[in-house]
Amino acid sequence: MTTFYWYGAAAFGEIAGSFAFWAWLRLDKSILWTIPGAVLLVLFAVALTRIDSVFAGRVYAAYGGVYIFSSLLWLWLVEGARPDRWDLIGAFVCIAGAAIILGGPRATA
């Protein structure tokens, strides 16, 4: 359960932090939006290091599915655009891939 918490924190940090820069550069918001944006991006990086894995690449690969799902949730809840069926099908495929990466049996060396 802790893994899901850290993946959720990472997704929030990356998406909200990146959105702060989007707001500044694309929505003509104040440059001050980049301050919480930078803090949130640090949260993202720290959260990924808290996931129990020997290899960073495996954590990042599985995170890809979580990121896609979370981005569509952001699209719907924050930006007010409802994901369409192709968004949802794509997210399901990515989450299934992340689950395989996280839960697949590993050979012991």
PDB file of N, CA and C in Angstrom:
ATOM      1  N   MET A   1       0.824  -1.195   0.000  1.00  0.00           N
ATOM      2  CA  MET A   1       0.000   0.000   0.000  1.00  0.00           C
ATOM      3  C   MET A   1       0.867   1.259   0.000  1.00  0.00           C
ATOM      4  N   THR A   2       2.009   1.196   0.630  1.00  0.00           N
ATOM      5  CA  THR A   2       2.914   2.338   0.661  1.00  0.00           C
ATOM      6  C   THR A   2       3.366   2.716  -0.748  1.00  0.00           C
ATOM      7  N   THR A   3       3.582   1.716  -1.600  1.00  0.00           N
ATOM      8  CA  THR A   3       4.003   1.980  -2.971  1.00  0.00           C
ATOM      9  C   THR A   3       2.975   2.837  -3.692  1.00  0.00           C
ATOM     10  N   PHE A   4       1.695   2.526  -3.521  1.00  0.00           N
ATOM     11  CA  PHE A   4       0.642   3.300  -4.178  1.00  0.00           C
ATOM     12  C   PHE A   4       0.619   4.735  -3.662  1.00  0.00           C
ATOM     13  N   TYR A   5       0.853   4.905  -2.365  1.00  0.00           N
ATOM     14  CA  TYR A   5       0.904   6.249  -1.791  1.00  0.00           C
ATOM     15  C   TYR A   5       2.025   7.062  -2.444  1.00  0.00           C
ATOM     16  N   TRP A   6       3.212   6.471  -2.544  1.00  0.00           N
ATOM     17  CA  TRP A   6       4.349   7.203  -3.110  1.00  0.00           C
ATOM     18  C   TRP A   6       4.169   7.477  -4.594  1.00  0.00           C
ATOM     19  N   TYR A   7       3.591   6.515  -5.312  1.00  0.00           N
ATOM     20  CA  TYR A   7       3.307   6.777  -6.725  1.00  0.00           C
ATOM     21  C   TYR A   7       2.284   7.903  -6.867  1.00  0.00           C
ATOM     22  N   GLY A   8       1.283   7.919  -6.011  1.00  0.00           N
ATOM     23  CA  GLY A   8       0.283   8.995  -6.040  1.00  0.00           C
ATOM     24  C   GLY A   8       0.903  10.349  -5.732  1.00  0.00           C
ATOM     25  N   ALA A   9       1.774  10.381  -4.720  1.00  0.00           N
ATOM     26  CA  ALA A   9       2.457  11.634  -4.369  1.00  0.00           C
ATOM     27  C   ALA A   9       3.347  12.093  -5.518  1.00  0.00           C
ATOM     28  N   ALA A  10       4.040  11.147  -6.150  1.00  0.00           N
ATOM     29  CA  ALA A  10       4.905  11.498  -7.283  1.00  0.00           C
ATOM     30  C   ALA A  10       4.078  12.064  -8.431  1.00  0.00           C
ATOM     31  N   ALA A  11       2.959  11.421  -8.730  1.00  0.00           N
ATOM     32  CA  ALA A  11       2.119  11.888  -9.833  1.00  0.00           C
ATOM     33  C   ALA A  11       1.578  13.284  -9.547  1.00  0.00           C
ATOM     34  N   PHE A  12       1.086  13.500  -8.325  1.00  0.00           N
ATOM     35  CA  PHE A  12       0.587  14.830  -7.990  1.00  0.00           C
ATOM     36  C   PHE A  12       1.691  15.871  -8.105  1.00  0.00           C
ATOM     37  N   GLY A  13       2.877  15.560  -7.555  1.00  0.00           N
ATOM     38  CA  GLY A  13       3.992  16.508  -7.605  1.00  0.00           C
ATOM     39  C   GLY A  13       4.401  16.848  -9.027  1.00  0.00           C
ATOM     40  N   GLU A  14       4.490  15.826  -9.875  1.00  0.00           N
ATOM     41  CA  GLU A  14       4.927  16.085 -11.243  1.00  0.00           C
ATOM     42  C   GLU A  14       3.866  16.837 -12.046  1.00  0.00           C
ATOM     43  N   ILE A  15       2.627  16.397 -11.938  1.00  0.00           N
ATOM     44  CA  ILE A  15       1.578  17.022 -12.748  1.00  0.00           C
ATOM     45  C   ILE A  15       1.291  18.445 -12.271  1.00  0.00           C
ATOM     46  N   ALA A  16       1.118  18.628 -10.966  1.00  0.00           N
ATOM     47  CA  ALA A  16       0.839  19.974 -10.448  1.00  0.00           C
ATOM     48  C   ALA A  16       2.045  20.895 -10.650  1.00  0.00           C
ATOM     49  N   GLY A  17       3.251  20.370 -10.437  1.00  0.00           N
ATOM     50  CA  GLY A  17       4.449  21.179 -10.638  1.00  0.00           C
ATOM     51  C   GLY A  17       4.625  21.597 -12.085  1.00  0.00           C
ATOM     52  N   SER A  18       4.405  20.667 -12.990  1.00  0.00           N
ATOM     53  CA  SER A  18       4.512  20.985 -14.410  1.00  0.00           C
ATOM     54  C   SER A  18       3.407  21.941 -14.846  1.00  0.00           C
ATOM     55  N   PHE A  19       2.210  21.755 -14.271  1.00  0.00           N
ATOM     56  CA  PHE A  19       1.104  22.642 -14.616  1.00  0.00           C
ATOM     57  C   PHE A  19       1.391  24.078 -14.187  1.00  0.00           C
ATOM     58  N   ALA A  20       2.106  24.252 -13.087  1.00  0.00           N
ATOM     59  CA  ALA A  20       2.466  25.603 -12.647  1.00  0.00           C
ATOM     60  C   ALA A  20       3.301  26.309 -13.718  1.00  0.00           C
ATOM     61  N   PHE A  21       4.224  25.576 -14.334  1.00  0.00           N
ATOM     62  CA  PHE A  21       5.029  26.158 -15.411  1.00  0.00           C
ATOM     63  C   PHE A  21       4.171  26.373 -16.660  1.00  0.00           C
ATOM     64  N   TRP A  22       3.256  25.455 -16.939  1.00  0.00           N
ATOM     65  CA  TRP A  22       2.307  25.602 -18.050  1.00  0.00           C
ATOM     66  C   TRP A  22       1.500  26.885 -17.861  1.00  0.00           C
ATOM     67  N   ALA A  23       1.018  27.093 -16.625  1.00  0.00           N
ATOM     68  CA  ALA A  23       0.215  28.274 -16.324  1.00  0.00           C
ATOM     69  C   ALA A  23       1.014  29.552 -16.575  1.00  0.00           C
ATOM     70  N   TRP A  24       2.274  29.544 -16.159  1.00  0.00           N
ATOM     71  CA  TRP A  24       3.118  30.717 -16.361  1.00  0.00           C
ATOM     72  C   TRP A  24       3.371  30.966 -17.855  1.00  0.00           C
ATOM     73  N   LEU A  25       3.760  29.926 -18.574  1.00  0.00           N
ATOM     74  CA  LEU A  25       4.200  30.099 -19.952  1.00  0.00           C
ATOM     75  C   LEU A  25       3.071  30.074 -20.976  1.00  0.00           C
ATOM     76  N   ARG A  26       1.972  29.381 -20.680  1.00  0.00           N
ATOM     77  CA  ARG A  26       0.903  29.233 -21.670  1.00  0.00           C
ATOM     78  C   ARG A  26      -0.386  29.956 -21.291  1.00  0.00           C
ATOM     79  N   LEU A  27      -0.579  30.199 -20.002  1.00  0.00           N
ATOM     80  CA  LEU A  27      -1.815  30.839 -19.553  1.00  0.00           C
ATOM     81  C   LEU A  27      -1.586  32.260 -19.040  1.00  0.00           C
ATOM     82  N   ASP A  28      -0.369  32.775 -19.265  1.00  0.00           N
ATOM     83  CA  ASP A  28      -0.011  34.145 -18.877  1.00  0.00           C
ATOM     84  C   ASP A  28      -0.186  34.437 -17.390  1.00  0.00           C
ATOM     85  N   LYS A  29       0.098  33.443 -16.548  1.00  0.00           N
ATOM     86  CA  LYS A  29       0.079  33.656 -15.101  1.00  0.00           C
ATOM     87  C   LYS A  29       1.423  34.239 -14.676  1.00  0.00           C
ATOM     88  N   SER A  30       1.489  34.711 -13.452  1.00  0.00           N
ATOM     89  CA  SER A  30       2.703  35.316 -12.916  1.00  0.00           C
ATOM     90  C   SER A  30       3.842  34.292 -12.848  1.00  0.00           C
ATOM     91  N   ILE A  31       5.057  34.782 -12.994  1.00  0.00           N
ATOM     92  CA  ILE A  31       6.234  33.920 -12.840  1.00  0.00           C
ATOM     93  C   ILE A  31       6.296  33.314 -11.431  1.00  0.00           C
ATOM     94  N   LEU A  32       5.602  33.923 -10.483  1.00  0.00           N
ATOM     95  CA  LEU A  32       5.573  33.392  -9.118  1.00  0.00           C
ATOM     96  C   LEU A  32       4.944  31.998  -9.052  1.00  0.00           C
ATOM     97  N   TRP A  33       4.184  31.618 -10.058  1.00  0.00           N
ATOM     98  CA  TRP A  33       3.637  30.260 -10.119  1.00  0.00           C
ATOM     99  C   TRP A  33       4.754  29.217 -10.173  1.00  0.00           C
ATOM    100  N   THR A  34       5.942  29.620 -10.620  1.00  0.00           N
ATOM    101  CA  THR A  34       7.034  28.652 -10.736  1.00  0.00           C
ATOM    102  C   THR A  34       7.625  28.264  -9.378  1.00  0.00           C
ATOM    103  N   ILE A  35       7.398  29.058  -8.358  1.00  0.00           N
ATOM    104  CA  ILE A  35       7.944  28.729  -7.029  1.00  0.00           C
ATOM    105  C   ILE A  35       7.281  27.469  -6.472  1.00  0.00           C
ATOM    106  N   PRO A  36       5.946  27.434  -6.332  1.00  0.00           N
ATOM    107  CA  PRO A  36       5.357  26.172  -5.885  1.00  0.00           C
ATOM    108  C   PRO A  36       5.569  25.057  -6.909  1.00  0.00           C
ATOM    109  N   GLY A  37       5.657  25.439  -8.181  1.00  0.00           N
ATOM    110  CA  GLY A  37       5.929  24.444  -9.219  1.00  0.00           C
ATOM    111  C   GLY A  37       7.236  23.724  -8.978  1.00  0.00           C
ATOM    112  N   ALA A  38       8.283  24.475  -8.662  1.00  0.00           N
ATOM    113  CA  ALA A  38       9.591  23.865  -8.392  1.00  0.00           C
ATOM    114  C   ALA A  38       9.549  22.992  -7.146  1.00  0.00           C
ATOM    115  N   VAL A  39       8.868  23.456  -6.112  1.00  0.00           N
ATOM    116  CA  VAL A  39       8.744  22.660  -4.875  1.00  0.00           C
ATOM    117  C   VAL A  39       8.020  21.344  -5.166  1.00  0.00           C
ATOM    118  N   LEU A  40       6.958  21.406  -5.948  1.00  0.00           N
ATOM    119  CA  LEU A  40       6.206  20.200  -6.285  1.00  0.00           C
ATOM    120  C   LEU A  40       7.025  19.237  -7.139  1.00  0.00           C
ATOM    121  N   LEU A  41       7.857  19.763  -8.015  1.00  0.00           N
ATOM    122  CA  LEU A  41       8.711  18.891  -8.813  1.00  0.00           C
ATOM    123  C   LEU A  41       9.771  18.200  -7.956  1.00  0.00           C
ATOM    124  N   VAL A  42      10.230  18.866  -6.906  1.00  0.00           N
ATOM    125  CA  VAL A  42      11.135  18.211  -5.951  1.00  0.00           C
ATOM    126  C   VAL A  42      10.386  17.103  -5.210  1.00  0.00           C
ATOM    127  N   LEU A  43       9.143  17.370  -4.794  1.00  0.00           N
ATOM    128  CA  LEU A  43       8.322  16.331  -4.165  1.00  0.00           C
ATOM    129  C   LEU A  43       8.215  15.115  -5.076  1.00  0.00           C
ATOM    130  N   PHE A  44       7.977  15.342  -6.346  1.00  0.00           N
ATOM    131  CA  PHE A  44       7.903  14.261  -7.335  1.00  0.00           C
ATOM    132  C   PHE A  44       9.166  13.398  -7.294  1.00  0.00           C
ATOM    133  N   ALA A  45      10.316  14.039  -7.383  1.00  0.00           N
ATOM    134  CA  ALA A  45      11.576  13.296  -7.418  1.00  0.00           C
ATOM    135  C   ALA A  45      11.821  12.541  -6.115  1.00  0.00           C
ATOM    136  N   VAL A  46      11.558  13.165  -4.998  1.00  0.00           N
ATOM    137  CA  VAL A  46      11.763  12.518  -3.698  1.00  0.00           C
ATOM    138  C   VAL A  46      10.817  11.333  -3.544  1.00  0.00           C
ATOM    139  N   ALA A  47       9.558  11.505  -3.947  1.00  0.00           N
ATOM    140  CA  ALA A  47       8.576  10.429  -3.802  1.00  0.00           C
ATOM    141  C   ALA A  47       8.999   9.181  -4.567  1.00  0.00           C
ATOM    142  N   LEU A  48       9.533   9.338  -5.765  1.00  0.00           N
ATOM    143  CA  LEU A  48       9.955   8.158  -6.524  1.00  0.00           C
ATOM    144  C   LEU A  48      11.100   7.411  -5.849  1.00  0.00           C
ATOM    145  N   THR A  49      11.933   8.119  -5.106  1.00  0.00           N
ATOM    146  CA  THR A  49      13.039   7.434  -4.429  1.00  0.00           C
ATOM    147  C   THR A  49      12.560   6.624  -3.231  1.00  0.00           C
ATOM    148  N   ARG A  50      11.329   6.820  -2.788  1.00  0.00           N
ATOM    149  CA  ARG A  50      10.795   6.109  -1.619  1.00  0.00           C
ATOM    150  C   ARG A  50      10.179   4.765  -1.988  1.00  0.00           C
ATOM    151  N   ILE A  51      10.090   4.480  -3.265  1.00  0.00           N
ATOM    152  CA  ILE A  51       9.504   3.213  -3.708  1.00  0.00           C
ATOM    153  C   ILE A  51      10.567   2.132  -3.629  1.00  0.00           C
ATOM    154  N   ASP A  52      10.200   1.021  -3.000  1.00  0.00           N
ATOM    155  CA  ASP A  52      11.140  -0.063  -2.737  1.00  0.00           C
ATOM    156  C   ASP A  52      11.430  -0.856  -4.009  1.00  0.00           C
ATOM    157  N   SER A  53      12.601  -0.642  -4.551  1.00  0.00           N
ATOM    158  CA  SER A  53      13.061  -1.373  -5.730  1.00  0.00           C
ATOM    159  C   SER A  53      14.571  -1.256  -5.798  1.00  0.00           C
ATOM    160  N   VAL A  54      15.184  -2.288  -6.321  1.00  0.00           N
ATOM    161  CA  VAL A  54      16.639  -2.268  -6.483  1.00  0.00           C
ATOM    162  C   VAL A  54      17.036  -1.359  -7.649  1.00  0.00           C
ATOM    163  N   PHE A  55      16.170  -1.300  -8.666  1.00  0.00           N
ATOM    164  CA  PHE A  55      16.507  -0.574  -9.889  1.00  0.00           C
ATOM    165  C   PHE A  55      15.581   0.621 -10.116  1.00  0.00           C
ATOM    166  N   ALA A  56      16.170   1.779 -10.307  1.00  0.00           N
ATOM    167  CA  ALA A  56      15.396   2.992 -10.550  1.00  0.00           C
ATOM    168  C   ALA A  56      14.595   2.881 -11.846  1.00  0.00           C
ATOM    169  N   GLY A  57      15.171   2.296 -12.865  1.00  0.00           N
ATOM    170  CA  GLY A  57      14.491   2.186 -14.156  1.00  0.00           C
ATOM    171  C   GLY A  57      13.168   1.446 -14.064  1.00  0.00           C
ATOM    172  N   ARG A  58      13.099   0.428 -13.216  1.00  0.00           N
ATOM    173  CA  ARG A  58      11.841  -0.318 -13.044  1.00  0.00           C
ATOM    174  C   ARG A  58      10.793   0.563 -12.361  1.00  0.00           C
ATOM    175  N   VAL A  59      11.214   1.345 -11.378  1.00  0.00           N
ATOM    176  CA  VAL A  59      10.302   2.270 -10.706  1.00  0.00           C
ATOM    177  C   VAL A  59       9.765   3.279 -11.716  1.00  0.00           C
ATOM    178  N   TYR A  60      10.638   3.837 -12.547  1.00  0.00           N
ATOM    179  CA  TYR A  60      10.227   4.835 -13.527  1.00  0.00           C
ATOM    180  C   TYR A  60       9.301   4.229 -14.580  1.00  0.00           C
ATOM    181  N   ALA A  61       9.594   3.007 -15.014  1.00  0.00           N
ATOM    182  CA  ALA A  61       8.767   2.356 -16.029  1.00  0.00           C
ATOM    183  C   ALA A  61       7.351   2.130 -15.507  1.00  0.00           C
ATOM    184  N   ALA A  62       7.236   1.621 -14.297  1.00  0.00           N
ATOM    185  CA  ALA A  62       5.911   1.398 -13.716  1.00  0.00           C
ATOM    186  C   ALA A  62       5.204   2.725 -13.464  1.00  0.00           C
ATOM    187  N   TYR A  63       5.956   3.736 -13.100  1.00  0.00           N
ATOM    188  CA  TYR A  63       5.379   5.054 -12.852  1.00  0.00           C
ATOM    189  C   TYR A  63       4.710   5.615 -14.109  1.00  0.00           C
ATOM    190  N   GLY A  64       5.204   5.251 -15.266  1.00  0.00           N
ATOM    191  CA  GLY A  64       4.621   5.736 -16.511  1.00  0.00           C
ATOM    192  C   GLY A  64       3.123   5.481 -16.584  1.00  0.00           C
ATOM    193  N   GLY A  65       2.687   4.309 -16.192  1.00  0.00           N
ATOM    194  CA  GLY A  65       1.265   3.980 -16.196  1.00  0.00           C
ATOM    195  C   GLY A  65       0.489   4.811 -15.193  1.00  0.00           C
ATOM    196  N   VAL A  66       1.063   4.975 -14.020  1.00  0.00           N
ATOM    197  CA  VAL A  66       0.426   5.789 -12.976  1.00  0.00           C
ATOM    198  C   VAL A  66       0.322   7.235 -13.449  1.00  0.00           C
ATOM    199  N   TYR A  67       1.370   7.734 -14.071  1.00  0.00           N
ATOM    200  CA  TYR A  67       1.385   9.109 -14.573  1.00  0.00           C
ATOM    201  C   TYR A  67       0.280   9.339 -15.602  1.00  0.00           C
ATOM    202  N   ILE A  68       0.118   8.405 -16.521  1.00  0.00           N
ATOM    203  CA  ILE A  68      -0.898   8.557 -17.561  1.00  0.00           C
ATOM    204  C   ILE A  68      -2.291   8.575 -16.947  1.00  0.00           C
ATOM    205  N   PHE A  69      -2.560   7.636 -16.053  1.00  0.00           N
ATOM    206  CA  PHE A  69      -3.859   7.610 -15.376  1.00  0.00           C
ATOM    207  C   PHE A  69      -4.101   8.914 -14.609  1.00  0.00           C
ATOM    208  N   SER A  70      -3.089   9.345 -13.861  1.00  0.00           N
ATOM    209  CA  SER A  70      -3.218  10.563 -13.052  1.00  0.00           C
ATOM    210  C   SER A  70      -3.381  11.808 -13.920  1.00  0.00           C
ATOM    211  N   SER A  71      -2.721  11.845 -15.057  1.00  0.00           N
ATOM    212  CA  SER A  71      -2.850  12.984 -15.969  1.00  0.00           C
ATOM    213  C   SER A  71      -4.273  13.101 -16.505  1.00  0.00           C
ATOM    214  N   LEU A  72      -4.891  11.973 -16.790  1.00  0.00           N
ATOM    215  CA  LEU A  72      -6.270  12.010 -17.260  1.00  0.00           C
ATOM    216  C   LEU A  72      -7.223  12.425 -16.144  1.00  0.00           C
ATOM    217  N   LEU A  73      -6.909  12.015 -14.927  1.00  0.00           N
ATOM    218  CA  LEU A  73      -7.699  12.456 -13.778  1.00  0.00           C
ATOM    219  C   LEU A  73      -7.572  13.976 -13.615  1.00  0.00           C
ATOM    220  N   TRP A  74      -6.361  14.495 -13.759  1.00  0.00           N
ATOM    221  CA  TRP A  74      -6.117  15.949 -13.707  1.00  0.00           C
ATOM    222  C   TRP A  74      -6.908  16.656 -14.810  1.00  0.00           C
ATOM    223  N   LEU A  75      -6.840  16.095 -16.020  1.00  0.00           N
ATOM    224  CA  LEU A  75      -7.576  16.659 -17.156  1.00  0.00           C
ATOM    225  C   LEU A  75      -9.049  16.836 -16.804  1.00  0.00           C
ATOM    226  N   TRP A  76      -9.614  15.836 -16.154  1.00  0.00           N
ATOM    227  CA  TRP A  76     -11.032  15.859 -15.842  1.00  0.00           C
ATOM    228  C   TRP A  76     -11.351  16.763 -14.652  1.00  0.00           C
ATOM    229  N   LEU A  77     -10.612  16.581 -13.535  1.00  0.00           N
ATOM    230  CA  LEU A  77     -10.956  17.281 -12.296  1.00  0.00           C
ATOM    231  C   LEU A  77     -10.473  18.724 -12.238  1.00  0.00           C
ATOM    232  N   VAL A  78      -9.320  19.009 -12.817  1.00  0.00           N
ATOM    233  CA  VAL A  78      -8.749  20.360 -12.724  1.00  0.00           C
ATOM    234  C   VAL A  78      -9.057  21.185 -13.971  1.00  0.00           C
ATOM    235  N   GLU A  79      -8.895  20.574 -15.144  1.00  0.00           N
ATOM    236  CA  GLU A  79      -9.078  21.336 -16.374  1.00  0.00           C
ATOM    237  C   GLU A  79     -10.508  21.256 -16.922  1.00  0.00           C
ATOM    238  N   GLY A  80     -11.298  20.371 -16.352  1.00  0.00           N
ATOM    239  CA  GLY A  80     -12.702  20.308 -16.734  1.00  0.00           C
ATOM    240  C   GLY A  80     -13.003  19.649 -18.064  1.00  0.00           C
ATOM    241  N   ALA A  81     -12.058  18.914 -18.624  1.00  0.00           N
ATOM    242  CA  ALA A  81     -12.284  18.203 -19.887  1.00  0.00           C
ATOM    243  C   ALA A  81     -12.400  16.710 -19.580  1.00  0.00           C
ATOM    244  N   ARG A  82     -13.525  16.135 -19.927  1.00  0.00           N
ATOM    245  CA  ARG A  82     -13.765  14.722 -19.625  1.00  0.00           C
ATOM    246  C   ARG A  82     -12.977  13.829 -20.591  1.00  0.00           C
ATOM    247  N   PRO A  83     -12.215  12.879 -20.064  1.00  0.00           N
ATOM    248  CA  PRO A  83     -11.490  11.952 -20.940  1.00  0.00           C
ATOM    249  C   PRO A  83     -12.476  11.155 -21.805  1.00  0.00           C
ATOM    250  N   ASP A  84     -12.101  10.912 -23.055  1.00  0.00           N
ATOM    251  CA  ASP A  84     -12.972  10.118 -23.918  1.00  0.00           C
ATOM    252  C   ASP A  84     -12.620   8.637 -23.806  1.00  0.00           C
ATOM    253  N   ARG A  85     -13.333   7.805 -24.540  1.00  0.00           N
ATOM    254  CA  ARG A  85     -13.120   6.352 -24.398  1.00  0.00           C
ATOM    255  C   ARG A  85     -11.712   5.943 -24.801  1.00  0.00           C
ATOM    256  N   TRP A  86     -11.118   6.637 -25.757  1.00  0.00           N
ATOM    257  CA  TRP A  86      -9.761   6.276 -26.180  1.00  0.00           C
ATOM    258  C   TRP A  86      -8.745   6.639 -25.104  1.00  0.00           C
ATOM    259  N   ASP A  87      -8.980   7.743 -24.414  1.00  0.00           N
ATOM    260  CA  ASP A  87      -8.140   8.088 -23.268  1.00  0.00           C
ATOM    261  C   ASP A  87      -8.215   6.976 -22.227  1.00  0.00           C
ATOM    262  N   LEU A  88      -9.435   6.540 -21.922  1.00  0.00           N
ATOM    263  CA  LEU A  88      -9.634   5.525 -20.882  1.00  0.00           C
ATOM    264  C   LEU A  88      -9.072   4.165 -21.279  1.00  0.00           C
ATOM    265  N   ILE A  89      -9.248   3.780 -22.528  1.00  0.00           N
ATOM    266  CA  ILE A  89      -8.682   2.516 -23.002  1.00  0.00           C
ATOM    267  C   ILE A  89      -7.162   2.568 -22.923  1.00  0.00           C
ATOM    268  N   GLY A  90      -6.581   3.662 -23.375  1.00  0.00           N
ATOM    269  CA  GLY A  90      -5.126   3.819 -23.314  1.00  0.00           C
ATOM    270  C   GLY A  90      -4.610   3.784 -21.892  1.00  0.00           C
ATOM    271  N   ALA A  91      -5.311   4.458 -20.977  1.00  0.00           N
ATOM    272  CA  ALA A  91      -4.901   4.458 -19.570  1.00  0.00           C
ATOM    273  C   ALA A  91      -4.985   3.051 -18.992  1.00  0.00           C
ATOM    274  N   PHE A  92      -6.037   2.316 -19.328  1.00  0.00           N
ATOM    275  CA  PHE A  92      -6.174   0.943 -18.833  1.00  0.00           C
ATOM    276  C   PHE A  92      -5.006   0.077 -19.297  1.00  0.00           C
ATOM    277  N   VAL A  93      -4.644   0.191 -20.566  1.00  0.00           N
ATOM    278  CA  VAL A  93      -3.512  -0.581 -21.099  1.00  0.00           C
ATOM    279  C   VAL A  93      -2.228  -0.220 -20.345  1.00  0.00           C
ATOM    280  N   CYS A  94      -2.023   1.061 -20.088  1.00  0.00           N
ATOM    281  CA  CYS A  94      -0.816   1.502 -19.383  1.00  0.00           C
ATOM    282  C   CYS A  94      -0.796   1.032 -17.932  1.00  0.00           C
ATOM    283  N   ILE A  95      -1.937   1.091 -17.249  1.00  0.00           N
ATOM    284  CA  ILE A  95      -2.012   0.618 -15.872  1.00  0.00           C
ATOM    285  C   ILE A  95      -1.762  -0.879 -15.822  1.00  0.00           C
ATOM    286  N   ALA A  96      -2.302  -1.616 -16.794  1.00  0.00           N
ATOM    287  CA  ALA A  96      -2.039  -3.060 -16.848  1.00  0.00           C
ATOM    288  C   ALA A  96      -0.545  -3.312 -17.019  1.00  0.00           C
ATOM    289  N   GLY A  97       0.101  -2.549 -17.869  1.00  0.00           N
ATOM    290  CA  GLY A  97       1.547  -2.687 -18.048  1.00  0.00           C
ATOM    291  C   GLY A  97       2.314  -2.377 -16.780  1.00  0.00           C
ATOM    292  N   ALA A  98       1.904  -1.311 -16.084  1.00  0.00           N
ATOM    293  CA  ALA A  98       2.565  -0.944 -14.819  1.00  0.00           C
ATOM    294  C   ALA A  98       2.388  -2.058 -13.793  1.00  0.00           C
ATOM    295  N   ALA A  99       1.196  -2.657 -13.743  1.00  0.00           N
ATOM    296  CA  ALA A  99       0.942  -3.748 -12.794  1.00  0.00           C
ATOM    297  C   ALA A  99       1.821  -4.954 -13.103  1.00  0.00           C
ATOM    298  N   ILE A 100       2.007  -5.237 -14.373  1.00  0.00           N
ATOM    299  CA  ILE A 100       2.878  -6.348 -14.750  1.00  0.00           C
ATOM    300  C   ILE A 100       4.322  -6.058 -14.324  1.00  0.00           C
ATOM    301  N   ILE A 101       4.767  -4.850 -14.572  1.00  0.00           N
ATOM    302  CA  ILE A 101       6.141  -4.473 -14.182  1.00  0.00           C
ATOM    303  C   ILE A 101       6.327  -4.569 -12.680  1.00  0.00           C
ATOM    304  N   LEU A 102       5.362  -4.042 -11.929  1.00  0.00           N
ATOM    305  CA  LEU A 102       5.475  -4.040 -10.453  1.00  0.00           C
ATOM    306  C   LEU A 102       5.295  -5.419  -9.848  1.00  0.00           C
ATOM    307  N   GLY A 103       4.347  -6.188 -10.358  1.00  0.00           N
ATOM    308  CA  GLY A 103       3.984  -7.439  -9.706  1.00  0.00           C
ATOM    309  C   GLY A 103       4.543  -8.695 -10.321  1.00  0.00           C
ATOM    310  N   GLY A 104       5.204  -8.565 -11.442  1.00  0.00           N
ATOM    311  CA  GLY A 104       5.721  -9.749 -12.114  1.00  0.00           C
ATOM    312  C   GLY A 104       6.792 -10.459 -11.295  1.00  0.00           C
ATOM    313  N   PRO A 105       6.837 -11.779 -11.417  1.00  0.00           N
ATOM    314  CA  PRO A 105       7.858 -12.525 -10.670  1.00  0.00           C
ATOM    315  C   PRO A 105       9.259 -12.172 -11.164  1.00  0.00           C
ATOM    316  N   ARG A 106      10.176 -12.117 -10.256  1.00  0.00           N
ATOM    317  CA  ARG A 106      11.559 -11.781 -10.581  1.00  0.00           C
ATOM    318  C   ARG A 106      12.455 -12.975 -10.263  1.00  0.00           C
ATOM    319  N   ALA A 107      13.381 -13.207 -11.150  1.00  0.00           N
ATOM    320  CA  ALA A 107      14.377 -14.250 -10.904  1.00  0.00           C
ATOM    321  C   ALA A 107      15.319 -13.788  -9.804  1.00  0.00           C
ATOM    322  N   THR A 108      15.683 -14.668  -8.924  1.00  0.00           N
ATOM    323  CA  THR A 108      16.640 -14.312  -7.877  1.00  0.00           C
ATOM    324  C   THR A 108      18.039 -14.662  -8.342  1.00  0.00           C
ATOM    325  N   ALA A 109      18.953 -13.780  -8.037  1.00  0.00           N
ATOM    326  CA  ALA A 109      20.335 -13.994  -8.499  1.00  0.00           C
ATOM    327  C   ALA A 109      21.170 -14.596  -7.399  1.00  0.00           C
TER     328      ALA A 109
END
